[in-house]
Amino acid sequence: MNVVGEQAVVFVHPNGSRHPGRIALGEVFRASGGEYRCEVILEGLDEPRAISGDSTLQALLLAARFAAQRLHDFCAKGGRVVYPADADAGDDTDVALEAVFGPMFRSP
């Protein structure tokens, strides 16, 4: 799978456990049923999943929206998403998810 865009992160869970990972969207592809799919990768948080749409644009935007909503839910429950370089130094800097995802990051 080719990745369209990604960001390395560390997921900090409410209990303090830390999981290195990445946020990524895969290249949109046509599935055997005719629909288009875009893989959402929240490595270190969830299993990858393919989001379907009627067009390549819809699949891509729905995948970005899904990633934003999943990350919003994680943060709303006390989780944090931080940059890995800062996390290794013990100085956590949160990834500005609202700046990355824009209005998609707000609650539904």
PDB file of N, CA and C in Angstrom:
ATOM      1  N   MET A   1       0.838  -1.181   0.000  1.00  0.00           N
ATOM      2  CA  MET A   1       0.000   0.000   0.000  1.00  0.00           C
ATOM      3  C   MET A   1       0.883   1.245   0.000  1.00  0.00           C
ATOM      4  N   ASN A   2       0.549   2.161  -0.881  1.00  0.00           N
ATOM      5  CA  ASN A   2       1.236   3.447  -0.923  1.00  0.00           C
ATOM      6  C   ASN A   2       0.547   4.414   0.024  1.00  0.00           C
ATOM      7  N   VAL A   3       1.336   5.197   0.723  1.00  0.00           N
ATOM      8  CA  VAL A   3       0.810   6.176   1.667  1.00  0.00           C
ATOM      9  C   VAL A   3       0.789   7.545   1.000  1.00  0.00           C
ATOM     10  N   VAL A   4      -0.335   8.244   1.137  1.00  0.00           N
ATOM     11  CA  VAL A   4      -0.485   9.587   0.573  1.00  0.00           C
ATOM     12  C   VAL A   4       0.106  10.629   1.512  1.00  0.00           C
ATOM     13  N   GLY A   5      -0.122  10.458   2.813  1.00  0.00           N
ATOM     14  CA  GLY A   5       0.408  11.386   3.806  1.00  0.00           C
ATOM     15  C   GLY A   5       0.476  10.717   5.159  1.00  0.00           C
ATOM     16  N   GLU A   6       1.474  11.117   5.965  1.00  0.00           N
ATOM     17  CA  GLU A   6       1.613  10.505   7.282  1.00  0.00           C
ATOM     18  C   GLU A   6       2.318  11.434   8.256  1.00  0.00           C
ATOM     19  N   GLN A   7       2.137  11.140   9.533  1.00  0.00           N
ATOM     20  CA  GLN A   7       2.789  11.875  10.616  1.00  0.00           C
ATOM     21  C   GLN A   7       3.163  10.869  11.700  1.00  0.00           C
ATOM     22  N   ALA A   8       4.440  10.808  12.060  1.00  0.00           N
ATOM     23  CA  ALA A   8       4.872   9.968  13.177  1.00  0.00           C
ATOM     24  C   ALA A   8       4.407  10.622  14.473  1.00  0.00           C
ATOM     25  N   VAL A   9       3.908   9.805  15.400  1.00  0.00           N
ATOM     26  CA  VAL A   9       3.372  10.315  16.664  1.00  0.00           C
ATOM     27  C   VAL A   9       3.650   9.311  17.782  1.00  0.00           C
ATOM     28  N   VAL A  10       3.339   9.724  19.004  1.00  0.00           N
ATOM     29  CA  VAL A  10       3.268   8.821  20.149  1.00  0.00           C
ATOM     30  C   VAL A  10       1.884   9.008  20.745  1.00  0.00           C
ATOM     31  N   PHE A  11       1.156   7.904  20.910  1.00  0.00           N
ATOM     32  CA  PHE A  11      -0.151   7.947  21.552  1.00  0.00           C
ATOM     33  C   PHE A  11       0.055   7.749  23.048  1.00  0.00           C
ATOM     34  N   VAL A  12      -0.376   8.728  23.835  1.00  0.00           N
ATOM     35  CA  VAL A  12      -0.275   8.657  25.292  1.00  0.00           C
ATOM     36  C   VAL A  12      -1.679   8.383  25.819  1.00  0.00           C
ATOM     37  N   HIS A  13      -1.871   7.201  26.358  1.00  0.00           N
ATOM     38  CA  HIS A  13      -3.190   6.790  26.844  1.00  0.00           C
ATOM     39  C   HIS A  13      -3.479   7.400  28.212  1.00  0.00           C
ATOM     40  N   PRO A  14      -4.758   7.501  28.574  1.00  0.00           N
ATOM     41  CA  PRO A  14      -5.124   8.098  29.863  1.00  0.00           C
ATOM     42  C   PRO A  14      -4.427   7.449  31.067  1.00  0.00           C
ATOM     43  N   ASN A  15      -4.085   6.167  30.952  1.00  0.00           N
ATOM     44  CA  ASN A  15      -3.403   5.480  32.055  1.00  0.00           C
ATOM     45  C   ASN A  15      -1.895   5.735  32.065  1.00  0.00           C
ATOM     46  N   GLY A  16      -1.414   6.557  31.100  1.00  0.00           N
ATOM     47  CA  GLY A  16       0.004   6.903  31.034  1.00  0.00           C
ATOM     48  C   GLY A  16       0.824   6.037  30.105  1.00  0.00           C
ATOM     49  N   SER A  17       0.261   4.930  29.611  1.00  0.00           N
ATOM     50  CA  SER A  17       1.021   4.085  28.685  1.00  0.00           C
ATOM     51  C   SER A  17       1.245   4.833  27.375  1.00  0.00           C
ATOM     52  N   ARG A  18       2.397   4.574  26.775  1.00  0.00           N
ATOM     53  CA  ARG A  18       2.814   5.280  25.558  1.00  0.00           C
ATOM     54  C   ARG A  18       3.039   4.268  24.440  1.00  0.00           C
ATOM     55  N   HIS A  19       2.518   4.595  23.259  1.00  0.00           N
ATOM     56  CA  HIS A  19       2.668   3.709  22.111  1.00  0.00           C
ATOM     57  C   HIS A  19       3.132   4.523  20.909  1.00  0.00           C
ATOM     58  N   PRO A  20       4.375   4.297  20.438  1.00  0.00           N
ATOM     59  CA  PRO A  20       4.808   4.977  19.225  1.00  0.00           C
ATOM     60  C   PRO A  20       3.946   4.525  18.053  1.00  0.00           C
ATOM     61  N   GLY A  21       3.694   5.417  17.136  1.00  0.00           N
ATOM     62  CA  GLY A  21       2.872   5.059  15.994  1.00  0.00           C
ATOM     63  C   GLY A  21       2.903   6.115  14.916  1.00  0.00           C
ATOM     64  N   ARG A  22       1.879   6.082  14.094  1.00  0.00           N
ATOM     65  CA  ARG A  22       1.755   7.078  13.023  1.00  0.00           C
ATOM     66  C   ARG A  22       0.301   7.209  12.630  1.00  0.00           C
ATOM     67  N   ILE A  23       0.018   8.359  12.077  1.00  0.00           N
ATOM     68  CA  ILE A  23      -1.286   8.649  11.487  1.00  0.00           C
ATOM     69  C   ILE A  23      -1.031   8.707   9.990  1.00  0.00           C
ATOM     70  N   ALA A  24      -1.753   7.919   9.204  1.00  0.00           N
ATOM     71  CA  ALA A  24      -1.502   7.896   7.764  1.00  0.00           C
ATOM     72  C   ALA A  24      -2.779   7.593   6.995  1.00  0.00           C
ATOM     73  N   LEU A  25      -2.806   8.094   5.774  1.00  0.00           N
ATOM     74  CA  LEU A  25      -3.868   7.762   4.825  1.00  0.00           C
ATOM     75  C   LEU A  25      -3.219   7.107   3.618  1.00  0.00           C
ATOM     76  N   GLY A  26      -3.825   5.996   3.186  1.00  0.00           N
ATOM     77  CA  GLY A  26      -3.303   5.286   2.032  1.00  0.00           C
ATOM     78  C   GLY A  26      -3.836   5.850   0.725  1.00  0.00           C
ATOM     79  N   GLU A  27      -3.209   5.413  -0.343  1.00  0.00           N
ATOM     80  CA  GLU A  27      -3.654   5.794  -1.679  1.00  0.00           C
ATOM     81  C   GLU A  27      -5.021   5.162  -1.948  1.00  0.00           C
ATOM     82  N   VAL A  28      -5.915   5.914  -2.552  1.00  0.00           N
ATOM     83  CA  VAL A  28      -7.258   5.411  -2.860  1.00  0.00           C
ATOM     84  C   VAL A  28      -7.150   4.357  -3.965  1.00  0.00           C
ATOM     85  N   PHE A  29      -7.903   3.268  -3.794  1.00  0.00           N
ATOM     86  CA  PHE A  29      -7.900   2.207  -4.802  1.00  0.00           C
ATOM     87  C   PHE A  29      -9.327   1.745  -5.062  1.00  0.00           C
ATOM     88  N   ARG A  30      -9.509   1.123  -6.209  1.00  0.00           N
ATOM     89  CA  ARG A  30     -10.828   0.595  -6.565  1.00  0.00           C
ATOM     90  C   ARG A  30     -10.943  -0.838  -6.060  1.00  0.00           C
ATOM     91  N   ALA A  31     -11.982  -1.112  -5.298  1.00  0.00           N
ATOM     92  CA  ALA A  31     -12.206  -2.450  -4.738  1.00  0.00           C
ATOM     93  C   ALA A  31     -12.915  -3.329  -5.757  1.00  0.00           C
ATOM     94  N   SER A  32     -12.934  -4.620  -5.493  1.00  0.00           N
ATOM     95  CA  SER A  32     -13.539  -5.570  -6.435  1.00  0.00           C
ATOM     96  C   SER A  32     -15.029  -5.334  -6.632  1.00  0.00           C
ATOM     97  N   GLY A  33     -15.696  -4.726  -5.649  1.00  0.00           N
ATOM     98  CA  GLY A  33     -17.122  -4.433  -5.774  1.00  0.00           C
ATOM     99  C   GLY A  33     -17.414  -3.158  -6.550  1.00  0.00           C
ATOM    100  N   GLY A  34     -16.372  -2.457  -6.983  1.00  0.00           N
ATOM    101  CA  GLY A  34     -16.551  -1.243  -7.768  1.00  0.00           C
ATOM    102  C   GLY A  34     -16.415   0.040  -6.970  1.00  0.00           C
ATOM    103  N   GLU A  35     -16.546  -0.049  -5.644  1.00  0.00           N
ATOM    104  CA  GLU A  35     -16.398   1.158  -4.823  1.00  0.00           C
ATOM    105  C   GLU A  35     -14.911   1.494  -4.672  1.00  0.00           C
ATOM    106  N   TYR A  36     -14.646   2.694  -4.228  1.00  0.00           N
ATOM    107  CA  TYR A  36     -13.278   3.136  -3.969  1.00  0.00           C
ATOM    108  C   TYR A  36     -13.010   3.054  -2.475  1.00  0.00           C
ATOM    109  N   ARG A  37     -11.760   2.747  -2.128  1.00  0.00           N
ATOM    110  CA  ARG A  37     -11.396   2.620  -0.714  1.00  0.00           C
ATOM    111  C   ARG A  37     -10.103   3.367  -0.425  1.00  0.00           C
ATOM    112  N   CYS A  38     -10.046   3.858   0.807  1.00  0.00           N
ATOM    113  CA  CYS A  38      -8.852   4.547   1.288  1.00  0.00           C
ATOM    114  C   CYS A  38      -8.544   3.994   2.677  1.00  0.00           C
ATOM    115  N   GLU A  39      -7.336   3.509   2.862  1.00  0.00           N
ATOM    116  CA  GLU A  39      -6.974   2.925   4.147  1.00  0.00           C
ATOM    117  C   GLU A  39      -6.573   4.008   5.143  1.00  0.00           C
ATOM    118  N   VAL A  40      -7.105   3.880   6.357  1.00  0.00           N
ATOM    119  CA  VAL A  40      -6.768   4.760   7.475  1.00  0.00           C
ATOM    120  C   VAL A  40      -5.857   3.965   8.401  1.00  0.00           C
ATOM    121  N   ILE A  41      -4.690   4.517   8.683  1.00  0.00           N
ATOM    122  CA  ILE A  41      -3.729   3.854   9.554  1.00  0.00           C
ATOM    123  C   ILE A  41      -3.522   4.720  10.790  1.00  0.00           C
ATOM    124  N   LEU A  42      -3.909   4.190  11.925  1.00  0.00           N
ATOM    125  CA  LEU A  42      -3.649   4.823  13.221  1.00  0.00           C
ATOM    126  C   LEU A  42      -2.789   3.829  14.002  1.00  0.00           C
ATOM    127  N   GLU A  43      -1.594   3.610  13.465  1.00  0.00           N
ATOM    128  CA  GLU A  43      -0.665   2.622  14.011  1.00  0.00           C
ATOM    129  C   GLU A  43      -0.304   2.978  15.452  1.00  0.00           C
ATOM    130  N   GLY A  44      -0.425   2.015  16.333  1.00  0.00           N
ATOM    131  CA  GLY A  44      -0.183   2.259  17.747  1.00  0.00           C
ATOM    132  C   GLY A  44      -1.453   2.553  18.518  1.00  0.00           C
ATOM    133  N   LEU A  45      -2.569   2.715  17.785  1.00  0.00           N
ATOM    134  CA  LEU A  45      -3.857   2.997  18.418  1.00  0.00           C
ATOM    135  C   LEU A  45      -4.921   1.991  17.984  1.00  0.00           C
ATOM    136  N   ASP A  46      -5.059   1.777  16.679  1.00  0.00           N
ATOM    137  CA  ASP A  46      -6.094   0.901  16.118  1.00  0.00           C
ATOM    138  C   ASP A  46      -5.513   0.058  14.995  1.00  0.00           C
ATOM    139  N   GLU A  47      -6.263  -0.939  14.596  1.00  0.00           N
ATOM    140  CA  GLU A  47      -5.933  -1.712  13.403  1.00  0.00           C
ATOM    141  C   GLU A  47      -6.275  -0.865  12.174  1.00  0.00           C
ATOM    142  N   PRO A  48      -5.531  -1.024  11.068  1.00  0.00           N
ATOM    143  CA  PRO A  48      -5.889  -0.291   9.850  1.00  0.00           C
ATOM    144  C   PRO A  48      -7.288  -0.681   9.385  1.00  0.00           C
ATOM    145  N   ARG A  49      -7.972   0.264   8.761  1.00  0.00           N
ATOM    146  CA  ARG A  49      -9.284  -0.050   8.192  1.00  0.00           C
ATOM    147  C   ARG A  49      -9.470   0.749   6.911  1.00  0.00           C
ATOM    148  N   ALA A  50     -10.173   0.139   5.966  1.00  0.00           N
ATOM    149  CA  ALA A  50     -10.447   0.784   4.684  1.00  0.00           C
ATOM    150  C   ALA A  50     -11.813   1.453   4.745  1.00  0.00           C
ATOM    151  N   ILE A  51     -11.858   2.699   4.324  1.00  0.00           N
ATOM    152  CA  ILE A  51     -13.093   3.473   4.279  1.00  0.00           C
ATOM    153  C   ILE A  51     -13.519   3.569   2.818  1.00  0.00           C
ATOM    154  N   SER A  52     -14.784   3.280   2.546  1.00  0.00           N
ATOM    155  CA  SER A  52     -15.290   3.235   1.170  1.00  0.00           C
ATOM    156  C   SER A  52     -16.032   4.498   0.786  1.00  0.00           C
ATOM    157  N   GLY A  53     -16.004   4.787  -0.513  1.00  0.00           N
ATOM    158  CA  GLY A  53     -16.758   5.900  -1.071  1.00  0.00           C
ATOM    159  C   GLY A  53     -17.137   5.607  -2.507  1.00  0.00           C
ATOM    160  N   ASP A  54     -18.026   6.428  -3.051  1.00  0.00           N
ATOM    161  CA  ASP A  54     -18.468   6.247  -4.438  1.00  0.00           C
ATOM    162  C   ASP A  54     -17.464   6.787  -5.449  1.00  0.00           C
ATOM    163  N   SER A  55     -16.563   7.660  -4.994  1.00  0.00           N
ATOM    164  CA  SER A  55     -15.537   8.224  -5.870  1.00  0.00           C
ATOM    165  C   SER A  55     -14.221   8.260  -5.102  1.00  0.00           C
ATOM    166  N   THR A  56     -13.138   8.504  -5.809  1.00  0.00           N
ATOM    167  CA  THR A  56     -11.840   8.589  -5.140  1.00  0.00           C
ATOM    168  C   THR A  56     -11.818   9.750  -4.149  1.00  0.00           C
ATOM    169  N   LEU A  57     -12.421  10.865  -4.519  1.00  0.00           N
ATOM    170  CA  LEU A  57     -12.443  12.021  -3.622  1.00  0.00           C
ATOM    171  C   LEU A  57     -13.258  11.727  -2.368  1.00  0.00           C
ATOM    172  N   GLN A  58     -14.429  11.116  -2.546  1.00  0.00           N
ATOM    173  CA  GLN A  58     -15.259  10.816  -1.383  1.00  0.00           C
ATOM    174  C   GLN A  58     -14.554   9.837  -0.447  1.00  0.00           C
ATOM    175  N   ALA A  59     -13.922   8.806  -0.984  1.00  0.00           N
ATOM    176  CA  ALA A  59     -13.218   7.836  -0.140  1.00  0.00           C
ATOM    177  C   ALA A  59     -12.092   8.514   0.639  1.00  0.00           C
ATOM    178  N   LEU A  60     -11.341   9.382  -0.017  1.00  0.00           N
ATOM    179  CA  LEU A  60     -10.240  10.094   0.647  1.00  0.00           C
ATOM    180  C   LEU A  60     -10.748  11.005   1.758  1.00  0.00           C
ATOM    181  N   LEU A  61     -11.788  11.778   1.468  1.00  0.00           N
ATOM    182  CA  LEU A  61     -12.313  12.710   2.469  1.00  0.00           C
ATOM    183  C   LEU A  61     -12.992  11.989   3.629  1.00  0.00           C
ATOM    184  N   LEU A  62     -13.709  10.907   3.334  1.00  0.00           N
ATOM    185  CA  LEU A  62     -14.321  10.132   4.416  1.00  0.00           C
ATOM    186  C   LEU A  62     -13.253   9.483   5.297  1.00  0.00           C
ATOM    187  N   ALA A  63     -12.162   9.043   4.692  1.00  0.00           N
ATOM    188  CA  ALA A  63     -11.066   8.450   5.465  1.00  0.00           C
ATOM    189  C   ALA A  63     -10.431   9.498   6.381  1.00  0.00           C
ATOM    190  N   ALA A  64     -10.206  10.696   5.859  1.00  0.00           N
ATOM    191  CA  ALA A  64      -9.644  11.771   6.683  1.00  0.00           C
ATOM    192  C   ALA A  64     -10.604  12.124   7.812  1.00  0.00           C
ATOM    193  N   ARG A  65     -11.881  12.171   7.506  1.00  0.00           N
ATOM    194  CA  ARG A  65     -12.889  12.478   8.528  1.00  0.00           C
ATOM    195  C   ARG A  65     -12.927  11.384   9.600  1.00  0.00           C
ATOM    196  N   PHE A  66     -12.845  10.127   9.182  1.00  0.00           N
ATOM    197  CA  PHE A  66     -12.831   9.028  10.144  1.00  0.00           C
ATOM    198  C   PHE A  66     -11.621   9.143  11.070  1.00  0.00           C
ATOM    199  N   ALA A  67     -10.442   9.386  10.496  1.00  0.00           N
ATOM    200  CA  ALA A  67      -9.228   9.524  11.310  1.00  0.00           C
ATOM    201  C   ALA A  67      -9.381  10.668  12.304  1.00  0.00           C
ATOM    202  N   ALA A  68      -9.888  11.798  11.837  1.00  0.00           N
ATOM    203  CA  ALA A  68     -10.069  12.962  12.712  1.00  0.00           C
ATOM    204  C   ALA A  68     -11.025  12.649  13.851  1.00  0.00           C
ATOM    205  N   GLN A  69     -12.139  12.001  13.553  1.00  0.00           N
ATOM    206  CA  GLN A  69     -13.125  11.689  14.591  1.00  0.00           C
ATOM    207  C   GLN A  69     -12.592  10.660  15.585  1.00  0.00           C
ATOM    208  N   ARG A  70     -11.842   9.693  15.107  1.00  0.00           N
ATOM    209  CA  ARG A  70     -11.263   8.686  16.010  1.00  0.00           C
ATOM    210  C   ARG A  70     -10.244   9.338  16.944  1.00  0.00           C
ATOM    211  N   LEU A  71      -9.422  10.228  16.407  1.00  0.00           N
ATOM    212  CA  LEU A  71      -8.434  10.921  17.234  1.00  0.00           C
ATOM    213  C   LEU A  71      -9.112  11.883  18.204  1.00  0.00           C
ATOM    214  N   HIS A  72     -10.178  12.544  17.766  1.00  0.00           N
ATOM    215  CA  HIS A  72     -10.941  13.431  18.652  1.00  0.00           C
ATOM    216  C   HIS A  72     -11.496  12.628  19.823  1.00  0.00           C
ATOM    217  N   ASP A  73     -12.055  11.463  19.544  1.00  0.00           N
ATOM    218  CA  ASP A  73     -12.604  10.603  20.588  1.00  0.00           C
ATOM    219  C   ASP A  73     -11.511  10.174  21.569  1.00  0.00           C
ATOM    220  N   PHE A  74     -10.353   9.791  21.047  1.00  0.00           N
ATOM    221  CA  PHE A  74      -9.228   9.383  21.887  1.00  0.00           C
ATOM    222  C   PHE A  74      -8.816  10.517  22.826  1.00  0.00           C
ATOM    223  N   CYS A  75      -8.707  11.721  22.292  1.00  0.00           N
ATOM    224  CA  CYS A  75      -8.312  12.877  23.106  1.00  0.00           C
ATOM    225  C   CYS A  75      -9.405  13.273  24.097  1.00  0.00           C
ATOM    226  N   ALA A  76     -10.663  13.181  23.683  1.00  0.00           N
ATOM    227  CA  ALA A  76     -11.780  13.532  24.569  1.00  0.00           C
ATOM    228  C   ALA A  76     -11.854  12.600  25.775  1.00  0.00           C
ATOM    229  N   LYS A  77     -11.325  11.400  25.633  1.00  0.00           N
ATOM    230  CA  LYS A  77     -11.324  10.428  26.734  1.00  0.00           C
ATOM    231  C   LYS A  77     -10.038  10.492  27.557  1.00  0.00           C
ATOM    232  N   GLY A  78      -9.253  11.544  27.353  1.00  0.00           N
ATOM    233  CA  GLY A  78      -8.056  11.745  28.165  1.00  0.00           C
ATOM    234  C   GLY A  78      -6.751  11.347  27.521  1.00  0.00           C
ATOM    235  N   GLY A  79      -6.775  10.872  26.275  1.00  0.00           N
ATOM    236  CA  GLY A  79      -5.546  10.521  25.571  1.00  0.00           C
ATOM    237  C   GLY A  79      -4.873  11.756  24.996  1.00  0.00           C
ATOM    238  N   ARG A  80      -3.625  11.593  24.639  1.00  0.00           N
ATOM    239  CA  ARG A  80      -2.872  12.673  23.993  1.00  0.00           C
ATOM    240  C   ARG A  80      -2.128  12.110  22.799  1.00  0.00           C
ATOM    241  N   VAL A  81      -1.905  12.964  21.811  1.00  0.00           N
ATOM    242  CA  VAL A  81      -1.113  12.613  20.640  1.00  0.00           C
ATOM    243  C   VAL A  81       0.043  13.604  20.612  1.00  0.00           C
ATOM    244  N   VAL A  82       1.282  13.092  20.776  1.00  0.00           N
ATOM    245  CA  VAL A  82       2.450  13.966  20.888  1.00  0.00           C
ATOM    246  C   VAL A  82       3.477  13.609  19.821  1.00  0.00           C
ATOM    247  N   TYR A  83       4.397  14.556  19.580  1.00  0.00           N
ATOM    248  CA  TYR A  83       5.478  14.325  18.626  1.00  0.00           C
ATOM    249  C   TYR A  83       6.503  13.370  19.225  1.00  0.00           C
ATOM    250  N   PRO A  84       7.041  12.436  18.438  1.00  0.00           N
ATOM    251  CA  PRO A  84       7.959  11.440  18.985  1.00  0.00           C
ATOM    252  C   PRO A  84       9.282  12.006  19.485  1.00  0.00           C
ATOM    253  N   ALA A  85       9.859  12.974  18.812  1.00  0.00           N
ATOM    254  CA  ALA A  85      11.154  13.514  19.243  1.00  0.00           C
ATOM    255  C   ALA A  85      11.041  14.106  20.636  1.00  0.00           C
ATOM    256  N   ASP A  86       9.969  14.826  20.894  1.00  0.00           N
ATOM    257  CA  ASP A  86       9.765  15.427  22.206  1.00  0.00           C
ATOM    258  C   ASP A  86       9.470  14.355  23.248  1.00  0.00           C
ATOM    259  N   ALA A  87       8.732  13.332  22.860  1.00  0.00           N
ATOM    260  CA  ALA A  87       8.365  12.270  23.801  1.00  0.00           C
ATOM    261  C   ALA A  87       9.609  11.517  24.259  1.00  0.00           C
ATOM    262  N   ASP A  88      10.570  11.313  23.348  1.00  0.00           N
ATOM    263  CA  ASP A  88      11.801  10.615  23.710  1.00  0.00           C
ATOM    264  C   ASP A  88      12.624  11.422  24.704  1.00  0.00           C
ATOM    265  N   ALA A  89      12.534  12.744  24.629  1.00  0.00           N
ATOM    266  CA  ALA A  89      13.289  13.611  25.534  1.00  0.00           C
ATOM    267  C   ALA A  89      12.548  13.836  26.844  1.00  0.00           C
ATOM    268  N   GLY A  90      11.343  13.287  26.938  1.00  0.00           N
ATOM    269  CA  GLY A  90      10.549  13.466  28.152  1.00  0.00           C
ATOM    270  C   GLY A  90       9.796  14.776  28.191  1.00  0.00           C
ATOM    271  N   ASP A  91       9.789  15.494  27.079  1.00  0.00           N
ATOM    272  CA  ASP A  91       9.093  16.781  26.999  1.00  0.00           C
ATOM    273  C   ASP A  91       8.027  16.671  25.916  1.00  0.00           C
ATOM    274  N   ASP A  92       6.789  16.406  26.319  1.00  0.00           N
ATOM    275  CA  ASP A  92       5.719  16.161  25.355  1.00  0.00           C
ATOM    276  C   ASP A  92       5.179  17.449  24.750  1.00  0.00           C
ATOM    277  N   THR A  93       5.147  17.481  23.425  1.00  0.00           N
ATOM    278  CA  THR A  93       4.482  18.552  22.695  1.00  0.00           C
ATOM    279  C   THR A  93       3.346  17.919  21.913  1.00  0.00           C
ATOM    280  N   ASP A  94       2.132  18.370  22.191  1.00  0.00           N
ATOM    281  CA  ASP A  94       0.972  17.813  21.507  1.00  0.00           C
ATOM    282  C   ASP A  94       0.983  18.158  20.024  1.00  0.00           C
ATOM    283  N   VAL A  95       0.587  17.194  19.207  1.00  0.00           N
ATOM    284  CA  VAL A  95       0.354  17.455  17.791  1.00  0.00           C
ATOM    285  C   VAL A  95      -0.903  18.317  17.720  1.00  0.00           C
ATOM    286  N   ALA A  96      -0.852  19.393  16.969  1.00  0.00           N
ATOM    287  CA  ALA A  96      -2.005  20.293  16.834  1.00  0.00           C
ATOM    288  C   ALA A  96      -2.993  19.665  15.853  1.00  0.00           C
ATOM    289  N   LEU A  97      -3.774  18.711  16.356  1.00  0.00           N
ATOM    290  CA  LEU A  97      -4.666  17.944  15.482  1.00  0.00           C
ATOM    291  C   LEU A  97      -5.724  18.810  14.814  1.00  0.00           C
ATOM    292  N   GLU A  98      -6.188  19.847  15.487  1.00  0.00           N
ATOM    293  CA  GLU A  98      -7.172  20.726  14.852  1.00  0.00           C
ATOM    294  C   GLU A  98      -6.539  21.486  13.687  1.00  0.00           C
ATOM    295  N   ALA A  99      -5.264  21.817  13.802  1.00  0.00           N
ATOM    296  CA  ALA A  99      -4.578  22.479  12.692  1.00  0.00           C
ATOM    297  C   ALA A  99      -4.359  21.506  11.534  1.00  0.00           C
ATOM    298  N   VAL A 100      -4.100  20.244  11.853  1.00  0.00           N
ATOM    299  CA  VAL A 100      -3.891  19.232  10.813  1.00  0.00           C
ATOM    300  C   VAL A 100      -5.198  18.914  10.093  1.00  0.00           C
ATOM    301  N   PHE A 101      -6.271  18.683  10.858  1.00  0.00           N
ATOM    302  CA  PHE A 101      -7.534  18.225  10.284  1.00  0.00           C
ATOM    303  C   PHE A 101      -8.561  19.327  10.077  1.00  0.00           C
ATOM    304  N   GLY A 102      -8.317  20.518  10.602  1.00  0.00           N
ATOM    305  CA  GLY A 102      -9.280  21.607  10.457  1.00  0.00           C
ATOM    306  C   GLY A 102     -10.606  21.262  11.103  1.00  0.00           C
ATOM    307  N   PRO A 103     -11.705  21.689  10.499  1.00  0.00           N
ATOM    308  CA  PRO A 103     -13.020  21.470  11.101  1.00  0.00           C
ATOM    309  C   PRO A 103     -13.398  19.995  11.248  1.00  0.00           C
ATOM    310  N   MET A 104     -12.703  19.098  10.545  1.00  0.00           N
ATOM    311  CA  MET A 104     -13.017  17.670  10.681  1.00  0.00           C
ATOM    312  C   MET A 104     -12.712  17.166  12.082  1.00  0.00           C
ATOM    313  N   PHE A 105     -11.826  17.860  12.825  1.00  0.00           N
ATOM    314  CA  PHE A 105     -11.413  17.391  14.148  1.00  0.00           C
ATOM    315  C   PHE A 105     -12.415  17.737  15.239  1.00  0.00           C
ATOM    316  N   ARG A 106     -13.361  18.575  14.947  1.00  0.00           N
ATOM    317  CA  ARG A 106     -14.354  18.950  15.965  1.00  0.00           C
ATOM    318  C   ARG A 106     -15.342  17.820  16.193  1.00  0.00           C
ATOM    319  N   SER A 107     -16.008  17.850  17.338  1.00  0.00           N
ATOM    320  CA  SER A 107     -16.973  16.788  17.644  1.00  0.00           C
ATOM    321  C   SER A 107     -18.126  16.821  16.646  1.00  0.00           C
ATOM    322  N   PRO A 108     -18.704  15.635  16.369  1.00  0.00           N
ATOM    323  CA  PRO A 108     -19.768  15.555  15.354  1.00  0.00           C
ATOM    324  C   PRO A 108     -21.031  16.278  15.769  1.00  0.00           C
TER     325      PRO A 108
END
